[in-house]
Each structure stands twice: as structure tokens, then as C-alpha cells.
Amino acid sequence: MHELDAVERMTLDHEAAAIKRSKSEADGGLLRSLGSLTAGTRWARTLHQALEALTLYITLPMRRLSALLSWEDPYVTTWLYLGLLALLAFLCLIPMELVIYYGVYYGARTLGFLATGPWMHLVGRWLERSAEADEADEAAFARMSRRERERELQSYREVSSSEEFSEEFCL
């Protein structure tokens, strides 16, 4: 497995070197001309790095894919197509109606839960606790005597007026 990775890496390096040679020959040294236009600024180095990354991560894998699909590498292509044939045989044997029905049903339920479920459950619990606390406060207020109720209302008014004052003048 490691030998195959090393061989593929050498192939990719060889292809990268060939692309660099052909690119510099074909475009007349685009990077050199850009470097002379910008007089060696950081912009030219950044552009050079971007083109290197484009070559390494997009151009070379696309060449490998095209070589794979056009039978230029018959060993790997044979295993790819045999794997696809085995997948086709497996998919022909299972009842697709059930797979689609249960896949859509449980997939939609899972997506719905992930989209609206977890935090809405937490919000619901928070609202229930808040409602229970309000009911407990109301029950405690109902059990108070008339004098205690008036003291409680007076303290509530004082807190409310100080909050209004701080909100109005301190912002």
C-alpha cells in the first residue's frame, strides 16, 4: 500500500514537472513576465503560489482521473470497473422501493430534528422552568397577607423604576 502511494507520488511529481516545463515553454514565461511587470513584489509570489496550488490540487488529479477513465492505467481501471459492477449487482438484489421509502422517511425525520430539534428542546425546557417559576411566584403571592402583598408590590415598583431610570439615562 505504501509502495503504491510512493509510486503515485512519483508519478504526480513527474507530471507536475512536465506541466511546469510545458507551461514555461508554451506561455513564454508568464510568471517571469509578471515578475518583471511587478518588479518582484509580493503579488507575483502570491500569484506563483496560487498557480502552483492550482496545478497540484486541480490539474494533476483531473489528469489522473482522465487517465483512469480512458484505460491508460489498465490495472487500476479494471478494479474500478469491477467494483462498480459489484455495486450494481448488489443494488439490483435489494428492493429499492423499501430503501427509497425508509431512506426518505427517516432521512426527512433526521434532517427535521437536526434543523429544528436540539435547540428547540432546550428552549422548551427553559420556557417550562420559567412558567413553573412564575406559577410558584403567583402561588406565593396568593398566600401572602394584604400587608405583605403591598410590601412586595412596593419593592417591585422600586426595582422597576430604578431599571427604567438606568435604561433611560445610562444608555
N, C-alpha and C. Protein backbone atom coordinates (compact mmCIF):
# COMPACT_ATOMS: atom_id res chain seq x y z
N MET A 1 0.83 -1.19 0.00
CA MET A 1 0.00 0.00 0.00
C MET A 1 0.87 1.26 0.00
N HIS A 2 1.93 1.25 0.81
CA HIS A 2 2.82 2.39 0.86
C HIS A 2 3.61 2.53 -0.43
N GLU A 3 3.93 1.39 -1.05
CA GLU A 3 4.66 1.45 -2.31
C GLU A 3 3.80 2.07 -3.40
N LEU A 4 2.52 1.73 -3.40
CA LEU A 4 1.61 2.30 -4.38
C LEU A 4 1.50 3.81 -4.18
N ASP A 5 1.43 4.25 -2.94
CA ASP A 5 1.38 5.68 -2.66
C ASP A 5 2.66 6.37 -3.13
N ALA A 6 3.80 5.74 -2.90
CA ALA A 6 5.06 6.33 -3.32
C ALA A 6 5.15 6.38 -4.85
N VAL A 7 4.67 5.33 -5.50
CA VAL A 7 4.69 5.31 -6.96
C VAL A 7 3.76 6.38 -7.51
N GLU A 8 2.57 6.50 -6.92
CA GLU A 8 1.64 7.54 -7.37
C GLU A 8 2.23 8.92 -7.13
N ARG A 9 2.90 9.11 -6.01
CA ARG A 9 3.50 10.40 -5.69
C ARG A 9 4.60 10.75 -6.70
N MET A 10 5.42 9.73 -7.06
CA MET A 10 6.46 9.97 -8.05
C MET A 10 5.83 10.33 -9.39
N THR A 11 4.74 9.64 -9.74
CA THR A 11 4.05 9.92 -11.00
C THR A 11 3.50 11.35 -10.99
N LEU A 12 2.89 11.74 -9.87
CA LEU A 12 2.35 13.09 -9.77
C LEU A 12 3.47 14.13 -9.84
N ASP A 13 4.60 13.86 -9.19
CA ASP A 13 5.73 14.79 -9.24
C ASP A 13 6.27 14.90 -10.67
N HIS A 14 6.35 13.75 -11.36
CA HIS A 14 6.83 13.76 -12.74
C HIS A 14 5.87 14.55 -13.63
N GLU A 15 4.55 14.34 -13.43
CA GLU A 15 3.57 15.08 -14.22
C GLU A 15 3.63 16.57 -13.91
N ALA A 16 3.85 16.91 -12.63
CA ALA A 16 3.95 18.33 -12.26
C ALA A 16 5.15 18.97 -12.92
N ALA A 17 6.27 18.26 -12.94
CA ALA A 17 7.47 18.80 -13.59
C ALA A 17 7.23 18.97 -15.09
N ALA A 18 6.54 18.00 -15.71
CA ALA A 18 6.25 18.11 -17.14
C ALA A 18 5.32 19.29 -17.41
N ILE A 19 4.35 19.50 -16.54
CA ILE A 19 3.43 20.63 -16.72
C ILE A 19 4.18 21.94 -16.57
N LYS A 20 5.07 22.02 -15.58
CA LYS A 20 5.85 23.24 -15.38
C LYS A 20 6.71 23.54 -16.61
N ARG A 21 7.36 22.49 -17.15
CA ARG A 21 8.20 22.69 -18.32
C ARG A 21 7.36 23.15 -19.51
N SER A 22 6.23 22.44 -19.74
CA SER A 22 5.41 22.80 -20.90
C SER A 22 4.78 24.17 -20.72
N LYS A 23 4.43 24.49 -19.47
CA LYS A 23 3.81 25.79 -19.22
C LYS A 23 4.80 26.92 -19.47
N SER A 24 6.03 26.74 -18.99
CA SER A 24 7.02 27.80 -19.18
C SER A 24 7.41 27.93 -20.65
N GLU A 25 7.42 26.80 -21.37
CA GLU A 25 7.75 26.86 -22.80
C GLU A 25 6.59 27.44 -23.60
N ALA A 26 5.36 27.07 -23.22
CA ALA A 26 4.20 27.46 -24.01
C ALA A 26 3.83 28.92 -23.83
N ASP A 27 3.89 29.40 -22.60
CA ASP A 27 3.44 30.77 -22.38
C ASP A 27 4.56 31.79 -22.39
N GLY A 28 5.75 31.36 -22.68
CA GLY A 28 6.86 32.29 -22.76
C GLY A 28 7.26 32.84 -21.41
N GLY A 29 7.04 32.06 -20.38
CA GLY A 29 7.42 32.50 -19.04
C GLY A 29 6.46 33.52 -18.47
N LEU A 30 5.21 33.16 -18.34
CA LEU A 30 4.19 34.07 -17.82
C LEU A 30 4.59 34.62 -16.46
N LEU A 31 5.07 33.74 -15.61
CA LEU A 31 5.44 34.20 -14.28
C LEU A 31 6.64 35.13 -14.32
N ARG A 32 7.58 34.87 -15.24
CA ARG A 32 8.71 35.79 -15.36
C ARG A 32 8.25 37.15 -15.84
N SER A 33 7.33 37.16 -16.81
CA SER A 33 6.84 38.45 -17.29
C SER A 33 6.02 39.17 -16.22
N LEU A 34 5.25 38.42 -15.44
CA LEU A 34 4.52 39.04 -14.34
C LEU A 34 5.49 39.58 -13.30
N GLY A 35 6.54 38.82 -13.05
CA GLY A 35 7.55 39.28 -12.09
C GLY A 35 8.22 40.55 -12.57
N SER A 36 8.47 40.66 -13.88
CA SER A 36 9.11 41.89 -14.37
C SER A 36 8.12 43.05 -14.35
N LEU A 37 6.84 42.77 -14.56
CA LEU A 37 5.84 43.84 -14.51
C LEU A 37 5.70 44.39 -13.09
N THR A 38 5.74 43.52 -12.13
CA THR A 38 5.51 43.96 -10.75
C THR A 38 6.80 44.19 -10.01
N ALA A 39 7.91 44.02 -10.66
CA ALA A 39 9.24 44.25 -10.08
C ALA A 39 9.45 43.46 -8.80
N GLY A 40 9.05 42.18 -8.82
CA GLY A 40 9.32 41.29 -7.70
C GLY A 40 8.51 41.55 -6.46
N THR A 41 7.33 42.07 -6.59
CA THR A 41 6.52 42.34 -5.41
C THR A 41 5.94 41.06 -4.85
N ARG A 42 5.34 41.21 -3.71
CA ARG A 42 4.71 40.07 -3.05
C ARG A 42 3.55 39.51 -3.88
N TRP A 43 2.94 40.36 -4.69
CA TRP A 43 1.82 39.93 -5.52
C TRP A 43 2.24 38.83 -6.48
N ALA A 44 3.40 38.97 -7.10
CA ALA A 44 3.87 37.96 -8.05
C ALA A 44 4.15 36.65 -7.34
N ARG A 45 4.73 36.71 -6.13
CA ARG A 45 4.99 35.47 -5.39
C ARG A 45 3.67 34.80 -5.01
N THR A 46 2.69 35.60 -4.62
CA THR A 46 1.39 35.04 -4.26
C THR A 46 0.72 34.40 -5.46
N LEU A 47 0.80 35.07 -6.60
CA LEU A 47 0.23 34.51 -7.83
C LEU A 47 0.94 33.21 -8.19
N HIS A 48 2.25 33.20 -8.05
CA HIS A 48 3.02 31.99 -8.34
C HIS A 48 2.58 30.84 -7.42
N GLN A 49 2.41 31.12 -6.14
CA GLN A 49 1.96 30.09 -5.21
C GLN A 49 0.55 29.61 -5.56
N ALA A 50 -0.32 30.53 -5.97
CA ALA A 50 -1.69 30.14 -6.34
C ALA A 50 -1.68 29.24 -7.57
N LEU A 51 -0.86 29.57 -8.54
CA LEU A 51 -0.77 28.73 -9.74
C LEU A 51 -0.18 27.36 -9.42
N GLU A 52 0.79 27.31 -8.51
CA GLU A 52 1.36 26.03 -8.09
C GLU A 52 0.29 25.17 -7.41
N ALA A 53 -0.49 25.80 -6.53
CA ALA A 53 -1.55 25.07 -5.84
C ALA A 53 -2.61 24.60 -6.82
N LEU A 54 -2.94 25.44 -7.79
CA LEU A 54 -3.91 25.06 -8.82
C LEU A 54 -3.41 23.85 -9.60
N THR A 55 -2.15 23.86 -9.95
CA THR A 55 -1.56 22.73 -10.67
C THR A 55 -1.58 21.47 -9.83
N LEU A 56 -1.18 21.60 -8.57
CA LEU A 56 -1.05 20.43 -7.72
C LEU A 56 -2.39 19.83 -7.33
N TYR A 57 -3.36 20.67 -6.99
CA TYR A 57 -4.61 20.17 -6.42
C TYR A 57 -5.75 20.03 -7.42
N ILE A 58 -5.64 20.63 -8.60
CA ILE A 58 -6.75 20.52 -9.55
C ILE A 58 -6.29 19.85 -10.85
N THR A 59 -5.25 20.37 -11.46
CA THR A 59 -4.84 19.87 -12.77
C THR A 59 -4.37 18.42 -12.71
N LEU A 60 -3.50 18.11 -11.75
CA LEU A 60 -2.95 16.75 -11.69
C LEU A 60 -4.02 15.71 -11.33
N PRO A 61 -4.87 15.94 -10.34
CA PRO A 61 -5.92 14.95 -10.09
C PRO A 61 -6.88 14.79 -11.28
N MET A 62 -7.15 15.87 -12.02
CA MET A 62 -8.00 15.74 -13.20
C MET A 62 -7.32 14.89 -14.27
N ARG A 63 -6.01 15.04 -14.42
CA ARG A 63 -5.28 14.20 -15.36
C ARG A 63 -5.31 12.75 -14.92
N ARG A 64 -5.15 12.51 -13.61
CA ARG A 64 -5.21 11.12 -13.11
C ARG A 64 -6.58 10.53 -13.37
N LEU A 65 -7.63 11.31 -13.15
CA LEU A 65 -8.99 10.83 -13.38
C LEU A 65 -9.21 10.53 -14.86
N SER A 66 -8.74 11.41 -15.71
CA SER A 66 -8.92 11.17 -17.14
C SER A 66 -8.12 9.95 -17.58
N ALA A 67 -6.92 9.75 -17.01
CA ALA A 67 -6.14 8.55 -17.34
C ALA A 67 -6.84 7.30 -16.83
N LEU A 68 -7.48 7.40 -15.68
CA LEU A 68 -8.19 6.25 -15.11
C LEU A 68 -9.39 5.87 -15.98
N LEU A 69 -10.17 6.86 -16.40
CA LEU A 69 -11.37 6.57 -17.16
C LEU A 69 -11.10 6.24 -18.62
N SER A 70 -9.92 6.56 -19.12
CA SER A 70 -9.60 6.25 -20.52
C SER A 70 -8.70 5.02 -20.65
N TRP A 71 -8.60 4.20 -19.61
CA TRP A 71 -7.87 2.94 -19.59
C TRP A 71 -6.37 3.12 -19.82
N GLU A 72 -5.82 4.28 -19.51
CA GLU A 72 -4.37 4.44 -19.62
C GLU A 72 -3.66 3.69 -18.50
N ASP A 73 -4.35 3.48 -17.38
CA ASP A 73 -3.82 2.67 -16.28
C ASP A 73 -4.75 1.46 -16.15
N PRO A 74 -4.50 0.38 -16.93
CA PRO A 74 -5.46 -0.72 -17.02
C PRO A 74 -5.66 -1.47 -15.70
N TYR A 75 -4.65 -1.57 -14.86
CA TYR A 75 -4.78 -2.32 -13.61
C TYR A 75 -5.79 -1.65 -12.67
N VAL A 76 -5.61 -0.37 -12.43
CA VAL A 76 -6.50 0.34 -11.52
C VAL A 76 -7.88 0.49 -12.13
N THR A 77 -7.95 0.74 -13.43
CA THR A 77 -9.24 0.90 -14.10
C THR A 77 -10.04 -0.40 -14.04
N THR A 78 -9.36 -1.54 -14.18
CA THR A 78 -10.05 -2.83 -14.07
C THR A 78 -10.68 -2.98 -12.70
N TRP A 79 -9.95 -2.66 -11.64
CA TRP A 79 -10.51 -2.79 -10.30
C TRP A 79 -11.63 -1.79 -10.05
N LEU A 80 -11.53 -0.60 -10.63
CA LEU A 80 -12.60 0.38 -10.50
C LEU A 80 -13.88 -0.16 -11.14
N TYR A 81 -13.78 -0.65 -12.35
CA TYR A 81 -14.97 -1.13 -13.04
C TYR A 81 -15.51 -2.43 -12.43
N LEU A 82 -14.65 -3.29 -11.90
CA LEU A 82 -15.14 -4.47 -11.20
C LEU A 82 -15.88 -4.08 -9.92
N GLY A 83 -15.38 -3.08 -9.21
CA GLY A 83 -16.07 -2.60 -8.02
C GLY A 83 -17.42 -2.00 -8.37
N LEU A 84 -17.49 -1.23 -9.46
CA LEU A 84 -18.77 -0.67 -9.90
C LEU A 84 -19.74 -1.76 -10.33
N LEU A 85 -19.23 -2.82 -10.95
CA LEU A 85 -20.08 -3.95 -11.35
C LEU A 85 -20.63 -4.66 -10.11
N ALA A 86 -19.81 -4.86 -9.08
CA ALA A 86 -20.27 -5.48 -7.84
C ALA A 86 -21.31 -4.60 -7.16
N LEU A 87 -21.12 -3.29 -7.17
CA LEU A 87 -22.11 -2.38 -6.59
C LEU A 87 -23.42 -2.45 -7.36
N LEU A 88 -23.35 -2.54 -8.67
CA LEU A 88 -24.55 -2.67 -9.49
C LEU A 88 -25.30 -3.96 -9.16
N ALA A 89 -24.57 -5.07 -9.05
CA ALA A 89 -25.21 -6.35 -8.71
C ALA A 89 -25.87 -6.28 -7.33
N PHE A 90 -25.21 -5.66 -6.38
CA PHE A 90 -25.77 -5.53 -5.04
C PHE A 90 -27.04 -4.68 -5.06
N LEU A 91 -27.02 -3.57 -5.79
CA LEU A 91 -28.19 -2.69 -5.85
C LEU A 91 -29.35 -3.34 -6.60
N CYS A 92 -29.05 -4.26 -7.53
CA CYS A 92 -30.12 -4.96 -8.24
C CYS A 92 -30.81 -5.99 -7.35
N LEU A 93 -30.13 -6.48 -6.34
CA LEU A 93 -30.68 -7.53 -5.49
C LEU A 93 -31.53 -7.00 -4.33
N ILE A 94 -31.32 -5.78 -3.91
CA ILE A 94 -32.10 -5.27 -2.78
C ILE A 94 -33.34 -4.54 -3.30
N PRO A 95 -34.46 -4.60 -2.56
CA PRO A 95 -35.69 -3.94 -3.01
C PRO A 95 -35.57 -2.42 -2.85
N MET A 96 -35.47 -1.73 -3.95
CA MET A 96 -35.24 -0.30 -3.92
C MET A 96 -36.43 0.48 -3.38
N GLU A 97 -37.65 -0.07 -3.52
CA GLU A 97 -38.83 0.63 -3.00
C GLU A 97 -38.71 0.84 -1.50
N LEU A 98 -38.27 -0.20 -0.80
CA LEU A 98 -38.11 -0.07 0.65
C LEU A 98 -36.96 0.86 1.01
N VAL A 99 -35.88 0.77 0.25
CA VAL A 99 -34.73 1.64 0.52
C VAL A 99 -35.12 3.10 0.34
N ILE A 100 -35.82 3.39 -0.75
CA ILE A 100 -36.21 4.78 -1.00
C ILE A 100 -37.22 5.24 0.04
N TYR A 101 -38.24 4.40 0.34
CA TYR A 101 -39.27 4.80 1.30
C TYR A 101 -38.67 5.08 2.67
N TYR A 102 -37.93 4.10 3.20
CA TYR A 102 -37.36 4.29 4.53
C TYR A 102 -36.23 5.32 4.54
N GLY A 103 -35.49 5.40 3.45
CA GLY A 103 -34.44 6.40 3.36
C GLY A 103 -35.00 7.82 3.38
N VAL A 104 -36.07 8.04 2.60
CA VAL A 104 -36.70 9.37 2.58
C VAL A 104 -37.38 9.65 3.91
N TYR A 105 -38.10 8.66 4.44
CA TYR A 105 -38.85 8.86 5.70
C TYR A 105 -37.90 9.19 6.85
N TYR A 106 -36.94 8.32 7.09
CA TYR A 106 -36.03 8.57 8.21
C TYR A 106 -35.03 9.68 7.91
N GLY A 107 -34.69 9.86 6.65
CA GLY A 107 -33.81 10.98 6.30
C GLY A 107 -34.49 12.32 6.57
N ALA A 108 -35.77 12.44 6.20
CA ALA A 108 -36.50 13.68 6.46
C ALA A 108 -36.67 13.90 7.96
N ARG A 109 -36.95 12.83 8.70
CA ARG A 109 -37.09 12.98 10.16
C ARG A 109 -35.76 13.42 10.79
N THR A 110 -34.68 12.83 10.34
CA THR A 110 -33.37 13.19 10.88
C THR A 110 -33.01 14.63 10.54
N LEU A 111 -33.25 15.03 9.28
CA LEU A 111 -32.96 16.41 8.89
C LEU A 111 -33.85 17.40 9.65
N GLY A 112 -35.11 17.05 9.86
CA GLY A 112 -36.01 17.91 10.63
C GLY A 112 -35.54 18.05 12.06
N PHE A 113 -35.12 16.94 12.65
CA PHE A 113 -34.62 17.00 14.03
C PHE A 113 -33.36 17.84 14.11
N LEU A 114 -32.46 17.65 13.16
CA LEU A 114 -31.22 18.43 13.18
C LEU A 114 -31.47 19.91 12.90
N ALA A 115 -32.46 20.20 12.06
CA ALA A 115 -32.73 21.59 11.71
C ALA A 115 -33.47 22.33 12.82
N THR A 116 -34.42 21.67 13.48
CA THR A 116 -35.24 22.38 14.46
C THR A 116 -35.25 21.74 15.83
N GLY A 117 -34.68 20.57 15.98
CA GLY A 117 -34.87 19.82 17.21
C GLY A 117 -34.04 20.21 18.41
N PRO A 118 -32.73 20.14 18.35
CA PRO A 118 -31.96 20.22 19.59
C PRO A 118 -32.15 21.51 20.36
N TRP A 119 -32.03 22.65 19.71
CA TRP A 119 -32.14 23.88 20.48
C TRP A 119 -33.58 24.18 20.85
N MET A 120 -34.55 23.73 20.03
CA MET A 120 -35.95 23.95 20.38
C MET A 120 -36.32 23.13 21.62
N HIS A 121 -35.71 21.98 21.78
CA HIS A 121 -35.93 21.20 23.00
C HIS A 121 -35.41 21.97 24.21
N LEU A 122 -34.25 22.56 24.09
CA LEU A 122 -33.68 23.36 25.19
C LEU A 122 -34.52 24.60 25.47
N VAL A 123 -35.01 25.25 24.42
CA VAL A 123 -35.87 26.42 24.60
C VAL A 123 -37.16 26.01 25.29
N GLY A 124 -37.72 24.88 24.90
CA GLY A 124 -38.94 24.39 25.55
C GLY A 124 -38.72 24.11 27.03
N ARG A 125 -37.60 23.50 27.37
CA ARG A 125 -37.31 23.25 28.79
C ARG A 125 -37.14 24.55 29.55
N TRP A 126 -36.48 25.53 28.96
CA TRP A 126 -36.28 26.82 29.61
C TRP A 126 -37.63 27.52 29.83
N LEU A 127 -38.53 27.46 28.82
CA LEU A 127 -39.84 28.08 28.96
C LEU A 127 -40.67 27.37 30.03
N GLU A 128 -40.58 26.05 30.11
CA GLU A 128 -41.32 25.31 31.14
C GLU A 128 -40.83 25.70 32.53
N ARG A 129 -39.51 25.79 32.71
CA ARG A 129 -38.97 26.21 34.02
C ARG A 129 -39.40 27.63 34.36
N SER A 130 -39.40 28.50 33.38
CA SER A 130 -39.81 29.88 33.60
C SER A 130 -41.28 29.95 33.98
N ALA A 131 -42.12 29.16 33.30
CA ALA A 131 -43.56 29.14 33.62
C ALA A 131 -43.79 28.56 35.01
N GLU A 132 -43.04 27.51 35.37
CA GLU A 132 -43.17 26.93 36.71
C GLU A 132 -42.75 27.93 37.79
N ALA A 133 -41.68 28.69 37.52
CA ALA A 133 -41.24 29.70 38.49
C ALA A 133 -42.28 30.80 38.62
N ASP A 134 -42.90 31.22 37.51
CA ASP A 134 -43.95 32.24 37.58
C ASP A 134 -45.16 31.74 38.36
N GLU A 135 -45.55 30.48 38.12
CA GLU A 135 -46.68 29.90 38.86
C GLU A 135 -46.37 29.81 40.35
N ALA A 136 -45.12 29.46 40.68
CA ALA A 136 -44.73 29.40 42.10
C ALA A 136 -44.76 30.79 42.72
N ASP A 137 -44.31 31.82 41.99
CA ASP A 137 -44.37 33.19 42.49
C ASP A 137 -45.82 33.64 42.70
N GLU A 138 -46.69 33.30 41.73
CA GLU A 138 -48.09 33.67 41.87
C GLU A 138 -48.73 32.96 43.05
N ALA A 139 -48.43 31.69 43.24
CA ALA A 139 -48.99 30.96 44.38
C ALA A 139 -48.47 31.55 45.70
N ALA A 140 -47.20 31.91 45.76
CA ALA A 140 -46.64 32.52 46.97
C ALA A 140 -47.29 33.88 47.20
N PHE A 141 -47.54 34.64 46.14
CA PHE A 141 -48.20 35.94 46.27
C PHE A 141 -49.63 35.77 46.76
N ALA A 142 -50.31 34.74 46.27
CA ALA A 142 -51.69 34.49 46.70
C ALA A 142 -51.75 34.09 48.18
N ARG A 143 -50.72 33.45 48.71
CA ARG A 143 -50.71 33.03 50.12
C ARG A 143 -50.33 34.17 51.07
N MET A 144 -49.85 35.29 50.53
CA MET A 144 -49.42 36.41 51.38
C MET A 144 -50.62 37.15 51.95
N SER A 145 -50.38 37.81 53.07
CA SER A 145 -51.43 38.68 53.62
C SER A 145 -51.47 39.98 52.83
N ARG A 146 -52.49 40.79 53.12
CA ARG A 146 -52.66 42.03 52.38
C ARG A 146 -51.44 42.94 52.57
N ARG A 147 -50.91 43.06 53.78
CA ARG A 147 -49.76 43.92 54.07
C ARG A 147 -48.51 43.41 53.35
N GLU A 148 -48.29 42.10 53.32
CA GLU A 148 -47.12 41.52 52.63
C GLU A 148 -47.21 41.75 51.12
N ARG A 149 -48.44 41.65 50.59
CA ARG A 149 -48.64 41.89 49.16
C ARG A 149 -48.27 43.32 48.81
N GLU A 150 -48.70 44.28 49.65
CA GLU A 150 -48.39 45.68 49.36
C GLU A 150 -46.89 45.94 49.45
N ARG A 151 -46.21 45.34 50.43
CA ARG A 151 -44.75 45.47 50.51
C ARG A 151 -44.07 44.87 49.28
N GLU A 152 -44.56 43.73 48.86
CA GLU A 152 -43.99 43.07 47.66
C GLU A 152 -44.21 43.93 46.43
N LEU A 153 -45.40 44.48 46.26
CA LEU A 153 -45.69 45.36 45.12
C LEU A 153 -44.83 46.62 45.18
N GLN A 154 -44.64 47.19 46.41
CA GLN A 154 -43.81 48.38 46.54
C GLN A 154 -42.36 48.09 46.15
N SER A 155 -41.82 46.96 46.59
CA SER A 155 -40.45 46.62 46.21
C SER A 155 -40.35 46.37 44.71
N TYR A 156 -41.38 45.78 44.11
CA TYR A 156 -41.40 45.57 42.66
C TYR A 156 -41.40 46.90 41.93
N ARG A 157 -42.21 47.86 42.41
CA ARG A 157 -42.27 49.18 41.77
C ARG A 157 -40.93 49.91 41.88
N GLU A 158 -40.26 49.78 43.03
CA GLU A 158 -38.96 50.43 43.21
C GLU A 158 -37.92 49.85 42.25
N VAL A 159 -37.92 48.53 42.12
CA VAL A 159 -36.97 47.88 41.20
C VAL A 159 -37.29 48.27 39.77
N SER A 160 -38.57 48.29 39.42
CA SER A 160 -38.96 48.66 38.05
C SER A 160 -38.59 50.08 37.73
N SER A 161 -38.81 51.01 38.68
CA SER A 161 -38.49 52.42 38.40
C SER A 161 -36.99 52.63 38.32
N SER A 162 -36.19 51.92 39.13
CA SER A 162 -34.74 52.07 39.03
C SER A 162 -34.22 51.46 37.74
N GLU A 163 -34.82 50.38 37.26
CA GLU A 163 -34.41 49.79 35.98
C GLU A 163 -34.77 50.72 34.83
N GLU A 164 -35.97 51.35 34.90
CA GLU A 164 -36.36 52.28 33.85
C GLU A 164 -35.42 53.48 33.83
N PHE A 165 -35.03 53.97 35.01
CA PHE A 165 -34.12 55.10 35.10
C PHE A 165 -32.76 54.73 34.49
N SER A 166 -32.26 53.54 34.85
CA SER A 166 -30.95 53.14 34.31
C SER A 166 -31.01 52.90 32.83
N GLU A 167 -32.12 52.36 32.31
CA GLU A 167 -32.23 52.14 30.88
C GLU A 167 -32.36 53.47 30.13
N GLU A 168 -33.08 54.43 30.73
CA GLU A 168 -33.34 55.68 30.04
C GLU A 168 -32.11 56.58 30.02
N PHE A 169 -31.36 56.65 31.13
CA PHE A 169 -30.30 57.64 31.23
C PHE A 169 -28.89 57.05 31.11
N CYS A 170 -28.74 55.77 31.25
CA CYS A 170 -27.39 55.19 31.25
C CYS A 170 -26.99 54.61 29.90
N LEU A 171 -27.89 54.58 28.96
CA LEU A 171 -27.51 54.02 27.66
C LEU A 171 -26.95 55.01 26.76
